[in-house]
Amino acid sequence: MKKKQPDTNIPQHEIETVARCLLPEIQKFFESTEGKKEFEEWKAQRAKETEKERSI
């Protein structure tokens, strides 16, 4: 019997199949100019939020 993810009824092999399909596309996005720009914007936003939380 295959292990299931916690709190789901989705078999692990199905999750892994979907992940194998999505991972190359996610990697391509983050290697692209647009993906790098969005990631830098996200990091800057996250840093602002973290700084705001520390000052409270």
C-alpha atoms as a PDB file:
ATOM      1  CA  MET A   1       0.000   0.000   0.000  1.00  0.00           C
ATOM      2  CA  LYS A   2       1.285   3.468  -0.971  1.00  0.00           C
ATOM      3  CA  LYS A   3       1.670   6.176   1.671  1.00  0.00           C
ATOM      4  CA  LYS A   4      -0.761   9.074   1.521  1.00  0.00           C
ATOM      5  CA  GLN A   5      -0.033  12.701   2.283  1.00  0.00           C
ATOM      6  CA  PRO A   6      -1.294  13.829   5.682  1.00  0.00           C
ATOM      7  CA  ASP A   7      -4.873  15.108   5.705  1.00  0.00           C
ATOM      8  CA  THR A   8      -5.562  14.185   2.069  1.00  0.00           C
ATOM      9  CA  ASN A   9      -6.968  11.253   0.212  1.00  0.00           C
ATOM     10  CA  ILE A  10      -4.515  11.721  -2.649  1.00  0.00           C
ATOM     11  CA  PRO A  11      -2.091   8.823  -3.061  1.00  0.00           C
ATOM     12  CA  GLN A  12       1.588   9.789  -2.879  1.00  0.00           C
ATOM     13  CA  HIS A  13       2.319   8.483  -6.387  1.00  0.00           C
ATOM     14  CA  GLU A  14      -0.275  10.870  -7.849  1.00  0.00           C
ATOM     15  CA  ILE A  15       1.234  13.831  -5.998  1.00  0.00           C
ATOM     16  CA  GLU A  16       4.674  12.877  -7.294  1.00  0.00           C
ATOM     17  CA  THR A  17       3.356  12.575 -10.864  1.00  0.00           C
ATOM     18  CA  VAL A  18       1.887  16.065 -10.746  1.00  0.00           C
ATOM     19  CA  ALA A  19       5.080  17.425  -9.178  1.00  0.00           C
ATOM     20  CA  ARG A  20       7.179  15.875 -11.974  1.00  0.00           C
ATOM     21  CA  CYS A  21       5.001  17.665 -14.538  1.00  0.00           C
ATOM     22  CA  LEU A  22       5.052  21.039 -12.781  1.00  0.00           C
ATOM     23  CA  LEU A  23       8.660  21.257 -11.622  1.00  0.00           C
ATOM     24  CA  PRO A  24      10.272  21.881 -15.049  1.00  0.00           C
ATOM     25  CA  GLU A  25       7.803  24.697 -15.769  1.00  0.00           C
ATOM     26  CA  ILE A  26       8.380  26.268 -12.352  1.00  0.00           C
ATOM     27  CA  GLN A  27      12.137  26.068 -12.877  1.00  0.00           C
ATOM     28  CA  LYS A  28      11.862  27.686 -16.324  1.00  0.00           C
ATOM     29  CA  PHE A  29       9.796  30.514 -14.877  1.00  0.00           C
ATOM     30  CA  PHE A  30      12.260  31.277 -12.090  1.00  0.00           C
ATOM     31  CA  GLU A  31      15.172  31.158 -14.538  1.00  0.00           C
ATOM     32  CA  SER A  32      13.441  33.668 -16.858  1.00  0.00           C
ATOM     33  CA  THR A  33      13.917  37.440 -16.650  1.00  0.00           C
ATOM     34  CA  GLU A  34      10.299  37.872 -15.587  1.00  0.00           C
ATOM     35  CA  GLY A  35      10.593  35.174 -12.925  1.00  0.00           C
ATOM     36  CA  LYS A  36      13.792  36.646 -11.493  1.00  0.00           C
ATOM     37  CA  LYS A  37      12.176  40.096 -11.369  1.00  0.00           C
ATOM     38  CA  GLU A  38       9.067  38.793  -9.601  1.00  0.00           C
ATOM     39  CA  PHE A  39      11.181  36.842  -7.121  1.00  0.00           C
ATOM     40  CA  GLU A  40      13.244  39.935  -6.280  1.00  0.00           C
ATOM     41  CA  GLU A  41      10.023  41.934  -5.804  1.00  0.00           C
ATOM     42  CA  TRP A  42       8.658  39.209  -3.540  1.00  0.00           C
ATOM     43  CA  LYS A  43      11.860  39.176  -1.462  1.00  0.00           C
ATOM     44  CA  ALA A  44      11.738  42.974  -1.091  1.00  0.00           C
ATOM     45  CA  GLN A  45       8.095  42.852  -0.023  1.00  0.00           C
ATOM     46  CA  ARG A  46       8.842  40.058   2.432  1.00  0.00           C
ATOM     47  CA  ALA A  47      11.737  42.045   3.908  1.00  0.00           C
ATOM     48  CA  LYS A  48       9.426  45.054   4.436  1.00  0.00           C
ATOM     49  CA  GLU A  49       6.830  42.853   6.146  1.00  0.00           C
ATOM     50  CA  THR A  50       9.466  41.258   8.373  1.00  0.00           C
ATOM     51  CA  GLU A  51      10.877  44.652   9.316  1.00  0.00           C
ATOM     52  CA  LYS A  52       7.383  45.947  10.097  1.00  0.00           C
ATOM     53  CA  GLU A  53       6.705  42.918  12.343  1.00  0.00           C
ATOM     54  CA  ARG A  54       9.955  43.459  14.235  1.00  0.00           C
ATOM     55  CA  SER A  55       9.146  47.101  14.943  1.00  0.00           C
ATOM     56  CA  ILE A  56       5.792  46.265  16.547  1.00  0.00           C
END
